[in-house]
């Protein structure tokens, strides 16, 4: 048994079971034929950026800060409570 995941831009969650192996092979061929992004611009492959760049970007908000952790958290709490920084 195998599994194929198809993501579509609608809010649906359905499962299908194919019992006929010949139909399964045909379905896979059709999906692979229609999933070529150069031919079908509506199908977008997953984003593949550099993990190192992504990590540096995410942790950049905490790197080389002059404020202490307490000052940062106090400012965040004040902003969340509707007070100015």
PDB file of N, CA and C in Angstrom:
ATOM      1  N   UNK A   1       0.842  -1.178   0.000  1.00  0.00           N
ATOM      2  CA  UNK A   1       0.000   0.000   0.000  1.00  0.00           C
ATOM      3  C   UNK A   1       0.883   1.236   0.000  1.00  0.00           C
ATOM      4  N   UNK A   2       0.488   2.209  -0.758  1.00  0.00           N
ATOM      5  CA  UNK A   2       1.198   3.473  -0.815  1.00  0.00           C
ATOM      6  C   UNK A   2       0.264   4.610  -0.499  1.00  0.00           C
ATOM      7  N   UNK A   3       0.815   5.816  -0.494  1.00  0.00           N
ATOM      8  CA  UNK A   3       0.023   6.984  -0.159  1.00  0.00           C
ATOM      9  C   UNK A   3       0.484   8.146  -1.014  1.00  0.00           C
ATOM     10  N   UNK A   4      -0.477   8.938  -1.502  1.00  0.00           N
ATOM     11  CA  UNK A   4      -0.199  10.123  -2.290  1.00  0.00           C
ATOM     12  C   UNK A   4      -0.916  11.283  -1.623  1.00  0.00           C
ATOM     13  N   UNK A   5      -0.234  12.408  -1.433  1.00  0.00           N
ATOM     14  CA  UNK A   5      -0.840  13.587  -0.825  1.00  0.00           C
ATOM     15  C   UNK A   5      -0.958  14.661  -1.897  1.00  0.00           C
ATOM     16  N   UNK A   6      -2.157  15.216  -2.028  1.00  0.00           N
ATOM     17  CA  UNK A   6      -2.411  16.283  -2.990  1.00  0.00           C
ATOM     18  C   UNK A   6      -2.956  17.472  -2.223  1.00  0.00           C
ATOM     19  N   UNK A   7      -2.299  18.612  -2.319  1.00  0.00           N
ATOM     20  CA  UNK A   7      -2.771  19.817  -1.659  1.00  0.00           C
ATOM     21  C   UNK A   7      -3.445  20.697  -2.693  1.00  0.00           C
ATOM     22  N   UNK A   8      -4.656  21.162  -2.359  1.00  0.00           N
ATOM     23  CA  UNK A   8      -5.407  22.033  -3.251  1.00  0.00           C
ATOM     24  C   UNK A   8      -5.834  23.273  -2.487  1.00  0.00           C
ATOM     25  N   UNK A   9      -6.099  24.376  -3.181  1.00  0.00           N
ATOM     26  CA  UNK A   9      -6.432  25.626  -2.485  1.00  0.00           C
ATOM     27  C   UNK A   9      -7.907  25.720  -2.079  1.00  0.00           C
ATOM     28  N   UNK A  10      -8.507  24.642  -1.669  1.00  0.00           N
ATOM     29  CA  UNK A  10      -9.862  24.638  -1.132  1.00  0.00           C
ATOM     30  C   UNK A  10      -9.814  24.035   0.264  1.00  0.00           C
ATOM     31  N   UNK A  11     -10.817  24.347   1.053  1.00  0.00           N
ATOM     32  CA  UNK A  11     -10.867  23.840   2.422  1.00  0.00           C
ATOM     33  C   UNK A  11     -11.596  22.499   2.430  1.00  0.00           C
ATOM     34  N   UNK A  12     -10.905  21.445   2.001  1.00  0.00           N
ATOM     35  CA  UNK A  12     -11.475  20.096   1.973  1.00  0.00           C
ATOM     36  C   UNK A  12     -10.474  19.123   2.581  1.00  0.00           C
ATOM     37  N   UNK A  13     -10.999  18.062   3.125  1.00  0.00           N
ATOM     38  CA  UNK A  13     -10.149  17.013   3.678  1.00  0.00           C
ATOM     39  C   UNK A  13     -10.845  15.687   3.366  1.00  0.00           C
ATOM     40  N   UNK A  14     -10.368  14.998   2.342  1.00  0.00           N
ATOM     41  CA  UNK A  14     -10.993  13.758   1.919  1.00  0.00           C
ATOM     42  C   UNK A  14      -9.940  12.679   1.736  1.00  0.00           C
ATOM     43  N   UNK A  15     -10.378  11.450   1.910  1.00  0.00           N
ATOM     44  CA  UNK A  15      -9.509  10.293   1.668  1.00  0.00           C
ATOM     45  C   UNK A  15     -10.177   9.396   0.641  1.00  0.00           C
ATOM     46  N   UNK A  16      -9.375   8.843  -0.238  1.00  0.00           N
ATOM     47  CA  UNK A  16      -9.879   7.931  -1.253  1.00  0.00           C
ATOM     48  C   UNK A  16      -9.034   6.666  -1.207  1.00  0.00           C
ATOM     49  N   UNK A  17      -9.645   5.523  -1.489  1.00  0.00           N
ATOM     50  CA  UNK A  17      -8.911   4.263  -1.524  1.00  0.00           C
ATOM     51  C   UNK A  17      -9.076   3.666  -2.924  1.00  0.00           C
ATOM     52  N   UNK A  18      -7.964   3.371  -3.554  1.00  0.00           N
ATOM     53  CA  UNK A  18      -7.965   2.752  -4.876  1.00  0.00           C
ATOM     54  C   UNK A  18      -7.624   1.283  -4.683  1.00  0.00           C
ATOM     55  N   UNK A  19      -8.535   0.400  -5.092  1.00  0.00           N
ATOM     56  CA  UNK A  19      -8.316  -1.036  -4.911  1.00  0.00           C
ATOM     57  C   UNK A  19      -7.755  -1.708  -6.152  1.00  0.00           C
ATOM     58  N   UNK A  20      -7.939  -1.079  -7.312  1.00  0.00           N
ATOM     59  CA  UNK A  20      -7.477  -1.645  -8.577  1.00  0.00           C
ATOM     60  C   UNK A  20      -6.074  -1.119  -8.878  1.00  0.00           C
ATOM     61  N   UNK A  21      -5.080  -1.997  -8.932  1.00  0.00           N
ATOM     62  CA  UNK A  21      -3.699  -1.549  -9.133  1.00  0.00           C
ATOM     63  C   UNK A  21      -3.493  -0.922 -10.504  1.00  0.00           C
ATOM     64  N   UNK A  22      -4.211  -1.406 -11.523  1.00  0.00           N
ATOM     65  CA  UNK A  22      -4.073  -0.806 -12.859  1.00  0.00           C
ATOM     66  C   UNK A  22      -4.590   0.625 -12.855  1.00  0.00           C
ATOM     67  N   UNK A  23      -5.733   0.849 -12.187  1.00  0.00           N
ATOM     68  CA  UNK A  23      -6.261   2.205 -12.095  1.00  0.00           C
ATOM     69  C   UNK A  23      -5.306   3.092 -11.294  1.00  0.00           C
ATOM     70  N   UNK A  24      -4.702   2.545 -10.235  1.00  0.00           N
ATOM     71  CA  UNK A  24      -3.731   3.294  -9.443  1.00  0.00           C
ATOM     72  C   UNK A  24      -2.538   3.731 -10.277  1.00  0.00           C
ATOM     73  N   UNK A  25      -2.044   2.842 -11.116  1.00  0.00           N
ATOM     74  CA  UNK A  25      -0.921   3.197 -11.987  1.00  0.00           C
ATOM     75  C   UNK A  25      -1.317   4.289 -12.969  1.00  0.00           C
ATOM     76  N   UNK A  26      -2.523   4.179 -13.530  1.00  0.00           N
ATOM     77  CA  UNK A  26      -2.999   5.198 -14.472  1.00  0.00           C
ATOM     78  C   UNK A  26      -3.170   6.542 -13.757  1.00  0.00           C
ATOM     79  N   UNK A  27      -3.710   6.502 -12.550  1.00  0.00           N
ATOM     80  CA  UNK A  27      -3.900   7.727 -11.783  1.00  0.00           C
ATOM     81  C   UNK A  27      -2.557   8.397 -11.494  1.00  0.00           C
ATOM     82  N   UNK A  28      -1.558   7.614 -11.090  1.00  0.00           N
ATOM     83  CA  UNK A  28      -0.228   8.176 -10.842  1.00  0.00           C
ATOM     84  C   UNK A  28       0.378   8.776 -12.101  1.00  0.00           C
ATOM     85  N   UNK A  29       0.223   8.086 -13.228  1.00  0.00           N
ATOM     86  CA  UNK A  29       0.738   8.631 -14.496  1.00  0.00           C
ATOM     87  C   UNK A  29       0.068   9.961 -14.814  1.00  0.00           C
ATOM     88  N   UNK A  30      -1.251  10.018 -14.644  1.00  0.00           N
ATOM     89  CA  UNK A  30      -1.982  11.254 -14.935  1.00  0.00           C
ATOM     90  C   UNK A  30      -1.548  12.384 -14.006  1.00  0.00           C
ATOM     91  N   UNK A  31      -1.373  12.073 -12.726  1.00  0.00           N
ATOM     92  CA  UNK A  31      -0.936  13.102 -11.772  1.00  0.00           C
ATOM     93  C   UNK A  31       0.457  13.604 -12.118  1.00  0.00           C
ATOM     94  N   UNK A  32       1.367  12.688 -12.424  1.00  0.00           N
ATOM     95  CA  UNK A  32       2.726  13.098 -12.770  1.00  0.00           C
ATOM     96  C   UNK A  32       2.750  13.905 -14.057  1.00  0.00           C
ATOM     97  N   UNK A  33       1.894  13.549 -15.001  1.00  0.00           N
ATOM     98  CA  UNK A  33       1.819  14.282 -16.258  1.00  0.00           C
ATOM     99  C   UNK A  33       1.311  15.698 -16.028  1.00  0.00           C
ATOM    100  N   UNK A  34       0.354  15.850 -15.122  1.00  0.00           N
ATOM    101  CA  UNK A  34      -0.262  17.153 -14.890  1.00  0.00           C
ATOM    102  C   UNK A  34       0.428  17.973 -13.825  1.00  0.00           C
ATOM    103  N   UNK A  35       1.478  17.453 -13.205  1.00  0.00           N
ATOM    104  CA  UNK A  35       2.136  18.200 -12.136  1.00  0.00           C
ATOM    105  C   UNK A  35       3.403  18.895 -12.590  1.00  0.00           C
ATOM    106  N   UNK A  36       3.643  18.994 -13.894  1.00  0.00           N
ATOM    107  CA  UNK A  36       4.821  19.687 -14.404  1.00  0.00           C
ATOM    108  C   UNK A  36       4.596  21.193 -14.248  1.00  0.00           C
ATOM    109  N   UNK A  37       5.340  21.886 -13.350  1.00  0.00           N
ATOM    110  CA  UNK A  37       5.097  23.303 -13.101  1.00  0.00           C
ATOM    111  C   UNK A  37       5.320  24.194 -14.312  1.00  0.00           C
ATOM    112  N   UNK A  38       6.150  23.775 -15.275  1.00  0.00           N
ATOM    113  CA  UNK A  38       6.360  24.612 -16.452  1.00  0.00           C
ATOM    114  C   UNK A  38       5.127  24.601 -17.345  1.00  0.00           C
ATOM    115  N   UNK A  39       4.389  23.501 -17.347  1.00  0.00           N
ATOM    116  CA  UNK A  39       3.182  23.413 -18.163  1.00  0.00           C
ATOM    117  C   UNK A  39       1.953  23.911 -17.413  1.00  0.00           C
ATOM    118  N   UNK A  40       1.919  23.727 -16.095  1.00  0.00           N
ATOM    119  CA  UNK A  40       0.756  24.088 -15.309  1.00  0.00           C
ATOM    120  C   UNK A  40       1.183  25.051 -14.208  1.00  0.00           C
ATOM    121  N   UNK A  41       1.082  26.370 -14.450  1.00  0.00           N
ATOM    122  CA  UNK A  41       1.563  27.323 -13.452  1.00  0.00           C
ATOM    123  C   UNK A  41       0.736  27.330 -12.164  1.00  0.00           C
ATOM    124  N   UNK A  42      -0.455  26.728 -12.148  1.00  0.00           N
ATOM    125  CA  UNK A  42      -1.267  26.697 -10.929  1.00  0.00           C
ATOM    126  C   UNK A  42      -0.694  25.733  -9.904  1.00  0.00           C
ATOM    127  N   UNK A  43       0.184  24.841 -10.315  1.00  0.00           N
ATOM    128  CA  UNK A  43       0.798  23.887  -9.392  1.00  0.00           C
ATOM    129  C   UNK A  43       2.155  24.440  -8.985  1.00  0.00           C
ATOM    130  N   UNK A  44       2.309  24.732  -7.697  1.00  0.00           N
ATOM    131  CA  UNK A  44       3.522  25.347  -7.195  1.00  0.00           C
ATOM    132  C   UNK A  44       4.290  24.330  -6.358  1.00  0.00           C
ATOM    133  N   UNK A  45       5.540  24.048  -6.715  1.00  0.00           N
ATOM    134  CA  UNK A  45       6.323  23.108  -5.910  1.00  0.00           C
ATOM    135  C   UNK A  45       6.650  23.726  -4.554  1.00  0.00           C
ATOM    136  N   UNK A  46       6.964  22.907  -3.549  1.00  0.00           N
ATOM    137  CA  UNK A  46       7.302  23.445  -2.230  1.00  0.00           C
ATOM    138  C   UNK A  46       8.515  24.358  -2.292  1.00  0.00           C
ATOM    139  N   UNK A  47       8.531  25.362  -1.440  1.00  0.00           N
ATOM    140  CA  UNK A  47       9.633  26.322  -1.390  1.00  0.00           C
ATOM    141  C   UNK A  47      10.850  25.644  -0.792  1.00  0.00           C
ATOM    142  N   UNK A  48      11.974  25.796  -1.450  1.00  0.00           N
ATOM    143  CA  UNK A  48      13.216  25.183  -0.964  1.00  0.00           C
ATOM    144  C   UNK A  48      14.285  26.269  -0.846  1.00  0.00           C
ATOM    145  N   UNK A  49      14.344  26.907   0.305  1.00  0.00           N
ATOM    146  CA  UNK A  49      15.395  27.886   0.560  1.00  0.00           C
ATOM    147  C   UNK A  49      16.507  27.229   1.360  1.00  0.00           C
ATOM    148  N   UNK A  50      17.558  27.954   1.515  1.00  0.00           N
ATOM    149  CA  UNK A  50      18.670  27.462   2.316  1.00  0.00           C
ATOM    150  C   UNK A  50      18.252  27.441   3.786  1.00  0.00           C
ATOM    151  N   UNK A  51      18.393  26.294   4.430  1.00  0.00           N
ATOM    152  CA  UNK A  51      18.040  26.201   5.836  1.00  0.00           C
ATOM    153  C   UNK A  51      18.923  27.100   6.688  1.00  0.00           C
ATOM    154  N   UNK A  52      20.168  27.262   6.299  1.00  0.00           N
ATOM    155  CA  UNK A  52      21.085  28.126   7.049  1.00  0.00           C
ATOM    156  C   UNK A  52      20.607  29.573   6.985  1.00  0.00           C
ATOM    157  N   UNK A  53      20.182  30.025   5.800  1.00  0.00           N
ATOM    158  CA  UNK A  53      19.672  31.391   5.659  1.00  0.00           C
ATOM    159  C   UNK A  53      18.381  31.562   6.447  1.00  0.00           C
ATOM    160  N   UNK A  54      17.496  30.576   6.377  1.00  0.00           N
ATOM    161  CA  UNK A  54      16.239  30.648   7.118  1.00  0.00           C
ATOM    162  C   UNK A  54      16.493  30.719   8.619  1.00  0.00           C
ATOM    163  N   UNK A  55      17.425  29.911   9.112  1.00  0.00           N
ATOM    164  CA  UNK A  55      17.744  29.909  10.531  1.00  0.00           C
ATOM    165  C   UNK A  55      18.320  31.256  10.950  1.00  0.00           C
ATOM    166  N   UNK A  56      19.233  31.796  10.161  1.00  0.00           N
ATOM    167  CA  UNK A  56      19.833  33.088  10.488  1.00  0.00           C
ATOM    168  C   UNK A  56      18.782  34.188  10.493  1.00  0.00           C
ATOM    169  N   UNK A  57      17.841  34.125   9.568  1.00  0.00           N
ATOM    170  CA  UNK A  57      16.778  35.128   9.499  1.00  0.00           C
ATOM    171  C   UNK A  57      15.857  35.036  10.711  1.00  0.00           C
ATOM    172  N   UNK A  58      15.522  33.810  11.112  1.00  0.00           N
ATOM    173  CA  UNK A  58      14.630  33.620  12.255  1.00  0.00           C
ATOM    174  C   UNK A  58      15.287  34.041  13.558  1.00  0.00           C
ATOM    175  N   UNK A  59      16.548  33.690  13.755  1.00  0.00           N
ATOM    176  CA  UNK A  59      17.224  34.022  14.998  1.00  0.00           C
ATOM    177  C   UNK A  59      17.809  35.422  14.975  1.00  0.00           C
ATOM    178  N   UNK A  60      17.757  36.088  13.831  1.00  0.00           N
ATOM    179  CA  UNK A  60      18.284  37.443  13.728  1.00  0.00           C
ATOM    180  C   UNK A  60      17.569  38.425  14.636  1.00  0.00           C
ATOM    181  N   UNK A  61      16.315  38.132  14.968  1.00  0.00           N
ATOM    182  CA  UNK A  61      15.588  39.051  15.847  1.00  0.00           C
ATOM    183  C   UNK A  61      16.144  39.034  17.260  1.00  0.00           C
ATOM    184  N   UNK A  62      16.872  37.978  17.642  1.00  0.00           N
ATOM    185  CA  UNK A  62      17.430  37.872  18.990  1.00  0.00           C
ATOM    186  C   UNK A  62      18.932  38.150  19.012  1.00  0.00           C
ATOM    187  N   UNK A  63      19.570  38.176  17.878  1.00  0.00           N
ATOM    188  CA  UNK A  63      21.028  38.294  17.843  1.00  0.00           C
ATOM    189  C   UNK A  63      21.481  39.737  18.076  1.00  0.00           C
ATOM    190  N   UNK A  64      22.569  39.893  18.787  1.00  0.00           N
ATOM    191  CA  UNK A  64      23.237  41.187  18.986  1.00  0.00           C
ATOM    192  C   UNK A  64      22.289  42.286  19.449  1.00  0.00           C
ATOM    193  N   UNK A  65      21.494  42.008  20.447  1.00  0.00           N
ATOM    194  CA  UNK A  65      20.582  43.015  21.004  1.00  0.00           C
ATOM    195  C   UNK A  65      21.280  43.764  22.131  1.00  0.00           C
ATOM    196  N   UNK A  66      21.073  45.082  22.175  1.00  0.00           N
ATOM    197  CA  UNK A  66      21.619  45.877  23.265  1.00  0.00           C
ATOM    198  C   UNK A  66      20.750  45.744  24.510  1.00  0.00           C
ATOM    199  N   UNK A  67      19.423  45.535  24.298  1.00  0.00           N
ATOM    200  CA  UNK A  67      18.520  45.418  25.435  1.00  0.00           C
ATOM    201  C   UNK A  67      18.670  44.044  26.074  1.00  0.00           C
ATOM    202  N   UNK A  68      18.357  43.977  27.346  1.00  0.00           N
ATOM    203  CA  UNK A  68      18.366  42.680  28.020  1.00  0.00           C
ATOM    204  C   UNK A  68      17.068  41.953  27.689  1.00  0.00           C
ATOM    205  N   UNK A  69      17.027  40.678  27.992  1.00  0.00           N
ATOM    206  CA  UNK A  69      15.829  39.888  27.739  1.00  0.00           C
ATOM    207  C   UNK A  69      14.639  40.445  28.510  1.00  0.00           C
ATOM    208  N   UNK A  70      14.884  40.922  29.739  1.00  0.00           N
ATOM    209  CA  UNK A  70      13.810  41.490  30.553  1.00  0.00           C
ATOM    210  C   UNK A  70      13.243  42.752  29.914  1.00  0.00           C
ATOM    211  N   UNK A  71      14.123  43.602  29.366  1.00  0.00           N
ATOM    212  CA  UNK A  71      13.658  44.832  28.716  1.00  0.00           C
ATOM    213  C   UNK A  71      12.829  44.516  27.471  1.00  0.00           C
ATOM    214  N   UNK A  72      13.286  43.538  26.713  1.00  0.00           N
ATOM    215  CA  UNK A  72      12.538  43.146  25.511  1.00  0.00           C
ATOM    216  C   UNK A  72      11.177  42.595  25.893  1.00  0.00           C
ATOM    217  N   UNK A  73      11.126  41.707  26.884  1.00  0.00           N
ATOM    218  CA  UNK A  73       9.846  41.116  27.278  1.00  0.00           C
ATOM    219  C   UNK A  73       8.918  42.175  27.867  1.00  0.00           C
ATOM    220  N   UNK A  74       9.438  43.138  28.642  1.00  0.00           N
ATOM    221  CA  UNK A  74       8.607  44.206  29.191  1.00  0.00           C
ATOM    222  C   UNK A  74       8.011  45.044  28.063  1.00  0.00           C
ATOM    223  N   UNK A  75       8.824  45.356  27.047  1.00  0.00           N
ATOM    224  CA  UNK A  75       8.327  46.147  25.915  1.00  0.00           C
ATOM    225  C   UNK A  75       7.248  45.386  25.151  1.00  0.00           C
ATOM    226  N   UNK A  76       7.443  44.085  24.957  1.00  0.00           N
ATOM    227  CA  UNK A  76       6.441  43.270  24.266  1.00  0.00           C
ATOM    228  C   UNK A  76       5.143  43.222  25.069  1.00  0.00           C
ATOM    229  N   UNK A  77       5.262  43.036  26.412  1.00  0.00           N
ATOM    230  CA  UNK A  77       4.059  43.019  27.261  1.00  0.00           C
ATOM    231  C   UNK A  77       3.318  44.345  27.199  1.00  0.00           C
ATOM    232  N   UNK A  78       4.061  45.448  27.250  1.00  0.00           N
ATOM    233  CA  UNK A  78       3.434  46.769  27.179  1.00  0.00           C
ATOM    234  C   UNK A  78       2.716  46.972  25.856  1.00  0.00           C
ATOM    235  N   UNK A  79       3.349  46.560  24.771  1.00  0.00           N
ATOM    236  CA  UNK A  79       2.710  46.711  23.461  1.00  0.00           C
ATOM    237  C   UNK A  79       1.451  45.838  23.361  1.00  0.00           C
ATOM    238  N   UNK A  80       1.512  44.627  23.935  1.00  0.00           N
ATOM    239  CA  UNK A  80       0.340  43.758  23.922  1.00  0.00           C
ATOM    240  C   UNK A  80      -0.794  44.306  24.789  1.00  0.00           C
ATOM    241  N   UNK A  81      -0.444  45.073  25.829  1.00  0.00           N
ATOM    242  CA  UNK A  81      -1.448  45.657  26.706  1.00  0.00           C
ATOM    243  C   UNK A  81      -1.922  47.021  26.233  1.00  0.00           C
ATOM    244  N   UNK A  82      -1.478  47.445  25.063  1.00  0.00           N
ATOM    245  CA  UNK A  82      -1.941  48.719  24.486  1.00  0.00           C
ATOM    246  C   UNK A  82      -1.160  49.930  24.957  1.00  0.00           C
ATOM    247  N   UNK A  83      -0.058  49.723  25.652  1.00  0.00           N
ATOM    248  CA  UNK A  83       0.772  50.833  26.099  1.00  0.00           C
ATOM    249  C   UNK A  83       1.880  51.050  25.076  1.00  0.00           C
ATOM    250  N   UNK A  84       2.407  52.263  25.027  1.00  0.00           N
ATOM    251  CA  UNK A  84       3.539  52.540  24.135  1.00  0.00           C
ATOM    252  C   UNK A  84       4.798  51.955  24.752  1.00  0.00           C
ATOM    253  N   UNK A  85       5.574  51.222  23.901  1.00  0.00           N
ATOM    254  CA  UNK A  85       6.843  50.619  24.233  1.00  0.00           C
ATOM    255  C   UNK A  85       7.254  50.787  25.625  1.00  0.00           C
TER     256      UNK A  85
END
